[in-house]
Amino acid sequence: MFFSKKSNYGIQALVFLYKFKDKKKFFKSKEIAENLGIKPSYLTKILQDLVKEGVLSSTTGPEGGFSLLDESTSISLFHVYQLLEKKELFTECVMGWKPCNSENPCPLHDTWVHSKIQILEQLKKITLGEASHLFWPLFEYNQS
């Protein structure tokens, strides 16, 4: 897996919020977690990070929870990764070799260099809105 659990869960939660934004304004982290099969306490921390980064809004109270900001609907998957991880993607050797560079390449170095460029380009193009239509066409919202 290229993404850490944090990035993976963050992207899944954002896609969930985008896909079901017409169902209600705010979703509790527990509700999102149950629909995605993620541990609620871990997801809450990720969602709070996304609030700090200006991607989500949150409110407390019985009708409170997390909501995707309108301007966040066009954010790319790559940008979400950067906000959550605070580091570049694909900086390590695909085989885990150290050191691995053009002077001391692993067996997959040259292939991986070209592949990761293509993957990064796609991650920069795909928005949360597109991801909600492309990746989860059959995903349903189960209201708790």
C-alpha atoms as a PDB file:
ATOM      1  CA  MET A   1       0.000   0.000   0.000  1.00  0.00           C
ATOM      2  CA  PHE A   2       1.401   3.396  -1.000  1.00  0.00           C
ATOM      3  CA  PHE A   3      -0.638   5.450   1.449  1.00  0.00           C
ATOM      4  CA  SER A   4      -0.402   5.182   5.194  1.00  0.00           C
ATOM      5  CA  LYS A   5      -3.545   4.235   7.099  1.00  0.00           C
ATOM      6  CA  LYS A   6      -3.921   7.877   8.083  1.00  0.00           C
ATOM      7  CA  SER A   7      -4.017   9.091   4.474  1.00  0.00           C
ATOM      8  CA  ASN A   8      -6.092   6.172   3.301  1.00  0.00           C
ATOM      9  CA  TYR A   9      -8.699   6.666   6.036  1.00  0.00           C
ATOM     10  CA  GLY A  10      -8.679  10.438   5.576  1.00  0.00           C
ATOM     11  CA  ILE A  11      -9.356  10.130   1.859  1.00  0.00           C
ATOM     12  CA  GLN A  12     -12.062   7.526   2.448  1.00  0.00           C
ATOM     13  CA  ALA A  13     -13.771   9.780   5.003  1.00  0.00           C
ATOM     14  CA  LEU A  14     -13.633  12.800   2.689  1.00  0.00           C
ATOM     15  CA  VAL A  15     -15.022  10.792  -0.219  1.00  0.00           C
ATOM     16  CA  PHE A  16     -17.778   9.526   2.095  1.00  0.00           C
ATOM     17  CA  LEU A  17     -18.635  13.084   3.160  1.00  0.00           C
ATOM     18  CA  TYR A  18     -18.690  14.226  -0.458  1.00  0.00           C
ATOM     19  CA  LYS A  19     -20.751  11.311  -1.700  1.00  0.00           C
ATOM     20  CA  PHE A  20     -23.416  11.648   0.978  1.00  0.00           C
ATOM     21  CA  LYS A  21     -23.457  15.427   1.455  1.00  0.00           C
ATOM     22  CA  ASP A  22     -27.068  15.498   0.248  1.00  0.00           C
ATOM     23  CA  LYS A  23     -28.142  13.126   3.070  1.00  0.00           C
ATOM     24  CA  LYS A  24     -27.318  15.571   5.879  1.00  0.00           C
ATOM     25  CA  LYS A  25     -25.049  18.499   6.697  1.00  0.00           C
ATOM     26  CA  PHE A  26     -22.974  17.062   9.560  1.00  0.00           C
ATOM     27  CA  PHE A  27     -21.868  13.494  10.203  1.00  0.00           C
ATOM     28  CA  LYS A  28     -20.579  12.181  13.532  1.00  0.00           C
ATOM     29  CA  SER A  29     -17.127  10.615  13.321  1.00  0.00           C
ATOM     30  CA  LYS A  30     -18.556   7.399  14.792  1.00  0.00           C
ATOM     31  CA  GLU A  31     -21.129   7.238  11.988  1.00  0.00           C
ATOM     32  CA  ILE A  32     -18.479   7.740   9.314  1.00  0.00           C
ATOM     33  CA  ALA A  33     -16.208   5.174  10.967  1.00  0.00           C
ATOM     34  CA  GLU A  34     -18.960   2.560  11.165  1.00  0.00           C
ATOM     35  CA  ASN A  35     -19.830   3.009   7.492  1.00  0.00           C
ATOM     36  CA  LEU A  36     -16.168   2.699   6.500  1.00  0.00           C
ATOM     37  CA  GLY A  37     -15.183  -0.030   8.957  1.00  0.00           C
ATOM     38  CA  ILE A  38     -12.599   2.180  10.674  1.00  0.00           C
ATOM     39  CA  LYS A  39     -11.841   2.532  14.402  1.00  0.00           C
ATOM     40  CA  PRO A  40     -13.784   5.668  15.501  1.00  0.00           C
ATOM     41  CA  SER A  41     -11.138   7.092  17.852  1.00  0.00           C
ATOM     42  CA  TYR A  42      -8.470   6.960  15.136  1.00  0.00           C
ATOM     43  CA  LEU A  43     -10.753   8.492  12.517  1.00  0.00           C
ATOM     44  CA  THR A  44     -11.731  11.340  14.863  1.00  0.00           C
ATOM     45  CA  LYS A  45      -8.069  12.400  15.138  1.00  0.00           C
ATOM     46  CA  ILE A  46      -7.731  12.381  11.343  1.00  0.00           C
ATOM     47  CA  LEU A  47     -10.920  14.401  10.898  1.00  0.00           C
ATOM     48  CA  GLN A  48      -9.719  16.929  13.482  1.00  0.00           C
ATOM     49  CA  ASP A  49      -6.472  17.304  11.492  1.00  0.00           C
ATOM     50  CA  LEU A  50      -8.535  17.987   8.365  1.00  0.00           C
ATOM     51  CA  VAL A  51     -10.497  20.656  10.251  1.00  0.00           C
ATOM     52  CA  LYS A  52      -7.190  22.318  11.244  1.00  0.00           C
ATOM     53  CA  GLU A  53      -6.092  22.180   7.596  1.00  0.00           C
ATOM     54  CA  GLY A  54      -9.297  23.926   6.459  1.00  0.00           C
ATOM     55  CA  VAL A  55     -10.792  21.003   4.533  1.00  0.00           C
ATOM     56  CA  LEU A  56     -13.625  20.219   6.963  1.00  0.00           C
ATOM     57  CA  SER A  57     -15.779  22.171   9.349  1.00  0.00           C
ATOM     58  CA  SER A  58     -16.967  20.780  12.642  1.00  0.00           C
ATOM     59  CA  THR A  59     -19.546  21.691  15.212  1.00  0.00           C
ATOM     60  CA  THR A  60     -20.536  20.260  18.562  1.00  0.00           C
ATOM     61  CA  GLY A  61     -23.932  19.317  19.892  1.00  0.00           C
ATOM     62  CA  PRO A  62     -26.639  16.779  19.069  1.00  0.00           C
ATOM     63  CA  GLU A  63     -26.788  17.801  15.411  1.00  0.00           C
ATOM     64  CA  GLY A  64     -23.047  18.429  15.192  1.00  0.00           C
ATOM     65  CA  GLY A  65     -20.253  16.539  13.575  1.00  0.00           C
ATOM     66  CA  PHE A  66     -18.026  16.992  10.539  1.00  0.00           C
ATOM     67  CA  SER A  67     -18.890  18.507   7.188  1.00  0.00           C
ATOM     68  CA  LEU A  68     -16.938  18.981   3.974  1.00  0.00           C
ATOM     69  CA  LEU A  69     -16.406  22.644   3.117  1.00  0.00           C
ATOM     70  CA  ASP A  70     -17.764  23.612  -0.317  1.00  0.00           C
ATOM     71  CA  GLU A  71     -14.354  24.741  -1.539  1.00  0.00           C
ATOM     72  CA  SER A  72     -12.864  21.369  -0.563  1.00  0.00           C
ATOM     73  CA  THR A  73     -14.902  19.387  -3.086  1.00  0.00           C
ATOM     74  CA  SER A  74     -12.327  20.060  -5.810  1.00  0.00           C
ATOM     75  CA  ILE A  75      -9.281  19.145  -3.699  1.00  0.00           C
ATOM     76  CA  SER A  76      -7.083  16.436  -5.210  1.00  0.00           C
ATOM     77  CA  LEU A  77      -6.232  13.123  -3.569  1.00  0.00           C
ATOM     78  CA  PHE A  78      -2.579  14.154  -3.725  1.00  0.00           C
ATOM     79  CA  HIS A  79      -3.301  17.367  -1.811  1.00  0.00           C
ATOM     80  CA  VAL A  80      -5.164  15.458   0.905  1.00  0.00           C
ATOM     81  CA  TYR A  81      -2.150  13.158   1.248  1.00  0.00           C
ATOM     82  CA  GLN A  82       0.181  16.143   1.619  1.00  0.00           C
ATOM     83  CA  LEU A  83      -2.038  17.794   4.227  1.00  0.00           C
ATOM     84  CA  LEU A  84      -2.182  14.671   6.367  1.00  0.00           C
ATOM     85  CA  GLU A  85       1.349  13.338   5.968  1.00  0.00           C
ATOM     86  CA  LYS A  86       3.404  16.526   5.692  1.00  0.00           C
ATOM     87  CA  LYS A  87       5.863  14.731   3.425  1.00  0.00           C
ATOM     88  CA  GLU A  88       6.382  13.801  -0.190  1.00  0.00           C
ATOM     89  CA  LEU A  89       4.899  10.633  -1.606  1.00  0.00           C
ATOM     90  CA  PHE A  90       7.116   7.919  -3.114  1.00  0.00           C
ATOM     91  CA  THR A  91      10.457   9.122  -1.797  1.00  0.00           C
ATOM     92  CA  GLU A  92      11.635   5.688  -0.702  1.00  0.00           C
ATOM     93  CA  CYS A  93      12.804   2.765  -2.796  1.00  0.00           C
ATOM     94  CA  VAL A  94       9.942   0.557  -3.953  1.00  0.00           C
ATOM     95  CA  MET A  95      11.924  -2.464  -2.800  1.00  0.00           C
ATOM     96  CA  GLY A  96      13.104  -0.852   0.444  1.00  0.00           C
ATOM     97  CA  TRP A  97      16.773  -0.815  -0.530  1.00  0.00           C
ATOM     98  CA  LYS A  98      19.096   1.741   1.053  1.00  0.00           C
ATOM     99  CA  PRO A  99      20.638   3.504  -0.651  1.00  0.00           C
ATOM    100  CA  CYS A 100      18.698   3.402  -3.905  1.00  0.00           C
ATOM    101  CA  ASN A 101      19.365   6.101  -6.471  1.00  0.00           C
ATOM    102  CA  SER A 102      20.539   6.472 -10.060  1.00  0.00           C
ATOM    103  CA  GLU A 103      24.130   5.705  -9.017  1.00  0.00           C
ATOM    104  CA  ASN A 104      23.134   2.710  -6.875  1.00  0.00           C
ATOM    105  CA  PRO A 105      19.793   1.475  -8.274  1.00  0.00           C
ATOM    106  CA  CYS A 106      17.692  -1.440  -7.114  1.00  0.00           C
ATOM    107  CA  PRO A 107      16.433  -3.832  -9.836  1.00  0.00           C
ATOM    108  CA  LEU A 108      13.164  -1.852 -10.189  1.00  0.00           C
ATOM    109  CA  HIS A 109      14.602   1.675  -9.898  1.00  0.00           C
ATOM    110  CA  ASP A 110      14.221   2.809 -13.512  1.00  0.00           C
ATOM    111  CA  THR A 111      10.784   1.236 -13.911  1.00  0.00           C
ATOM    112  CA  TRP A 112       9.597   2.720 -10.621  1.00  0.00           C
ATOM    113  CA  VAL A 113      10.807   6.232 -11.498  1.00  0.00           C
ATOM    114  CA  HIS A 114       8.543   6.287 -14.573  1.00  0.00           C
ATOM    115  CA  SER A 115       5.624   4.569 -12.855  1.00  0.00           C
ATOM    116  CA  LYS A 116       5.576   6.869  -9.851  1.00  0.00           C
ATOM    117  CA  ILE A 117       5.488   9.932 -12.107  1.00  0.00           C
ATOM    118  CA  GLN A 118       2.360   8.574 -13.807  1.00  0.00           C
ATOM    119  CA  ILE A 119       0.735   7.707 -10.465  1.00  0.00           C
ATOM    120  CA  LEU A 120       1.498  11.153  -9.033  1.00  0.00           C
ATOM    121  CA  GLU A 121       0.012  12.838 -12.109  1.00  0.00           C
ATOM    122  CA  GLN A 122      -3.218  10.873 -11.657  1.00  0.00           C
ATOM    123  CA  LEU A 123      -3.397  11.605  -7.916  1.00  0.00           C
ATOM    124  CA  LYS A 124      -3.023  15.319  -8.687  1.00  0.00           C
ATOM    125  CA  LYS A 125      -5.869  15.154 -11.240  1.00  0.00           C
ATOM    126  CA  ILE A 126      -8.454  13.133  -9.305  1.00  0.00           C
ATOM    127  CA  THR A 127     -10.629  15.271  -7.022  1.00  0.00           C
ATOM    128  CA  LEU A 128     -12.785  14.126  -4.117  1.00  0.00           C
ATOM    129  CA  GLY A 129     -15.823  14.600  -6.320  1.00  0.00           C
ATOM    130  CA  GLU A 130     -14.388  12.416  -9.065  1.00  0.00           C
ATOM    131  CA  ALA A 131     -13.250   9.821  -6.535  1.00  0.00           C
ATOM    132  CA  SER A 132     -16.759   9.561  -5.126  1.00  0.00           C
ATOM    133  CA  HIS A 133     -18.086   8.662  -8.577  1.00  0.00           C
ATOM    134  CA  LEU A 134     -15.169   6.567  -9.821  1.00  0.00           C
ATOM    135  CA  PHE A 135     -14.293   4.418  -6.850  1.00  0.00           C
ATOM    136  CA  TRP A 136     -17.483   3.809  -4.897  1.00  0.00           C
ATOM    137  CA  PRO A 137     -20.397   3.621  -7.285  1.00  0.00           C
ATOM    138  CA  LEU A 138     -22.053   0.867  -5.227  1.00  0.00           C
ATOM    139  CA  PHE A 139     -21.131   2.119  -1.759  1.00  0.00           C
ATOM    140  CA  GLU A 140     -24.252   2.808   0.315  1.00  0.00           C
ATOM    141  CA  TYR A 141     -24.827   4.986   3.336  1.00  0.00           C
ATOM    142  CA  ASN A 142     -26.178   3.105   6.356  1.00  0.00           C
ATOM    143  CA  GLN A 143     -27.684   5.549   8.805  1.00  0.00           C
ATOM    144  CA  SER A 144     -27.078   4.556  12.423  1.00  0.00           C
END
